[in-house]
Structure formats: structure tokens, C-alpha cells
Amino acid sequence: MGAQYYGADSENGDRVDDPSEDALFMMISDLNDSDNTFVVVQPDEDDPVWFASVAVLDEGGYETVRRDTTRNEHEVTISTSINDIARDLTVWMAARNISAR
């Protein structure tokens, strides 16, 4: 059974437990290309079966990586819309939690 709780951690040390779409939006908005380049969201467990990350690209925009080993999923996308990224991650994470219960 997967974790029922997950957290979002940014490179600069910020952490949000069970982040909402708005919290993800804020964390991604705070990313920059020097000292806070990524956010990782994953279950709070020793060996998580899924994770998602958002990283700033040098040429602008964001790379989103979603991986779920239980579903054999690995997807990488590029986007410039923080709103779309936060919404898509929220929907994707909700599907992880439903299947884990």
C-alpha cells in the first residue's frame, strides 16, 4: 500500500505537506535558475513508488517529470504555464492516492 500523505520539497529547503494546487503554483513560481531550480513531490515513505519533479530550464520554461513504477509510467513534458503544471500535477497525484487506498 502506498503512502496516503506526500510532500513537496524545493531545492531551497521549503516543504509543503500534502500540497494543494495553489501551494504547488506558489512553489513553482518561486523557482529560479540559480539556487532554487526544482521542486520534487513524492510520498512520505522510505522507497516511494512514484514522484514528480518540476525544474527550471536554462532556455526558459519548466520540465516536468512524472514517474510511477507501479504503473510503469515515465513522462517528461516541457511547459511555460505554471498554472497548467500545478493543475496537471494535482490531478496526477490524486490518481496516485486513489489507487493506493
Protein backbone atom coordinates (compact mmCIF):
# COMPACT_ATOMS: atom_id res chain seq x y z
CA MET A 1 0.00 0.00 0.00
CA GLY A 2 1.33 3.42 -0.92
CA ALA A 3 1.59 6.41 1.36
CA GLN A 4 -1.55 8.40 1.98
CA TYR A 5 0.48 11.56 2.51
CA TYR A 6 3.05 13.18 0.32
CA GLY A 7 5.19 16.26 0.42
CA ALA A 8 6.66 18.82 -1.93
CA ASP A 9 10.26 19.85 -1.34
CA SER A 10 12.14 22.57 -3.18
CA GLU A 11 15.88 22.89 -3.60
CA ASN A 12 15.99 25.85 -1.20
CA GLY A 13 14.56 23.74 1.64
CA ASP A 14 10.91 24.81 1.51
CA ARG A 15 8.48 21.97 2.26
CA VAL A 16 4.71 21.70 1.96
CA ASP A 17 2.88 18.61 3.21
CA ASP A 18 0.02 17.41 1.02
CA PRO A 19 0.31 20.46 -1.26
CA SER A 20 -2.78 21.89 -2.88
CA GLU A 21 -2.80 23.17 -6.46
CA ASP A 22 -2.29 26.69 -5.10
CA ALA A 23 0.67 25.59 -2.97
CA LEU A 24 2.28 23.89 -5.98
CA PHE A 25 1.69 27.04 -8.03
CA MET A 26 3.45 29.13 -5.39
CA MET A 27 6.38 26.73 -5.07
CA ILE A 28 6.88 26.59 -8.84
CA SER A 29 6.55 30.40 -9.06
CA ASP A 30 9.39 30.70 -6.55
CA LEU A 31 11.79 28.67 -8.70
CA ASN A 32 14.75 30.45 -10.29
CA ASP A 33 17.82 29.49 -12.31
CA SER A 34 20.41 29.94 -9.55
CA ASP A 35 19.66 28.49 -6.13
CA ASN A 36 16.10 27.14 -6.25
CA THR A 37 15.88 25.23 -9.53
CA PHE A 38 13.50 22.37 -8.75
CA VAL A 39 10.56 21.02 -6.73
CA VAL A 40 10.03 17.30 -6.05
CA VAL A 41 6.71 15.81 -4.92
CA GLN A 42 6.61 12.25 -3.58
CA PRO A 43 5.03 10.09 -0.90
CA ASP A 44 6.46 10.29 2.60
CA GLU A 45 7.92 6.80 2.69
CA ASP A 46 11.38 5.23 2.53
CA ASP A 47 11.15 3.86 -1.01
CA PRO A 48 8.46 5.87 -2.86
CA VAL A 49 6.91 4.18 -5.90
CA TRP A 50 6.09 7.48 -7.60
CA PHE A 51 7.42 11.02 -7.81
CA ALA A 52 7.01 14.16 -9.84
CA SER A 53 9.53 16.94 -10.29
CA VAL A 54 9.47 20.37 -11.88
CA ALA A 55 12.74 22.04 -12.88
CA VAL A 56 13.61 25.39 -14.41
CA LEU A 57 15.09 25.14 -17.91
CA ASP A 58 18.02 27.33 -18.95
CA GLU A 59 16.21 28.40 -22.11
CA GLY A 60 13.03 29.28 -20.20
CA GLY A 61 10.03 27.28 -19.14
CA TYR A 62 9.85 24.19 -16.96
CA GLU A 63 10.50 20.49 -17.37
CA THR A 64 8.07 18.22 -15.55
CA VAL A 65 8.96 14.59 -14.91
CA ARG A 66 6.33 12.12 -13.66
CA ARG A 67 7.33 8.58 -12.73
CA ASP A 68 5.23 5.78 -11.24
CA THR A 69 6.94 2.39 -11.07
CA THR A 70 3.73 0.53 -10.15
CA ARG A 71 2.12 1.68 -13.43
CA ASN A 72 5.30 1.59 -15.50
CA GLU A 73 4.87 5.32 -16.25
CA HIS A 74 7.65 7.75 -17.09
CA GLU A 75 6.66 11.01 -18.75
CA VAL A 76 8.67 14.17 -19.40
CA THR A 77 6.97 17.37 -20.59
CA ILE A 78 8.02 20.97 -21.20
CA SER A 79 5.70 23.88 -20.41
CA THR A 80 5.77 27.61 -19.77
CA SER A 81 2.45 27.75 -17.89
CA ILE A 82 2.83 27.38 -14.13
CA ASN A 83 -0.96 27.25 -13.87
CA ASP A 84 -1.15 24.24 -16.21
CA ILE A 85 1.73 22.46 -14.46
CA ALA A 86 0.19 22.87 -10.99
CA ARG A 87 -3.24 21.72 -12.20
CA ASP A 88 -1.85 18.71 -14.10
CA LEU A 89 0.30 17.62 -11.15
CA THR A 90 -2.63 17.91 -8.76
CA VAL A 91 -4.78 15.67 -10.97
CA TRP A 92 -1.92 13.21 -11.50
CA MET A 93 -1.16 12.96 -7.75
CA ALA A 94 -4.84 12.46 -6.91
CA ALA A 95 -4.84 9.38 -9.16
CA ARG A 96 -1.82 8.01 -7.24
CA ASN A 97 -3.63 8.41 -3.91
CA ILE A 98 -6.89 6.85 -5.09
CA SER A 99 -5.08 3.74 -6.29
CA ALA A 100 -3.12 3.48 -3.03
CA ARG A 101 -6.16 3.22 -0.77
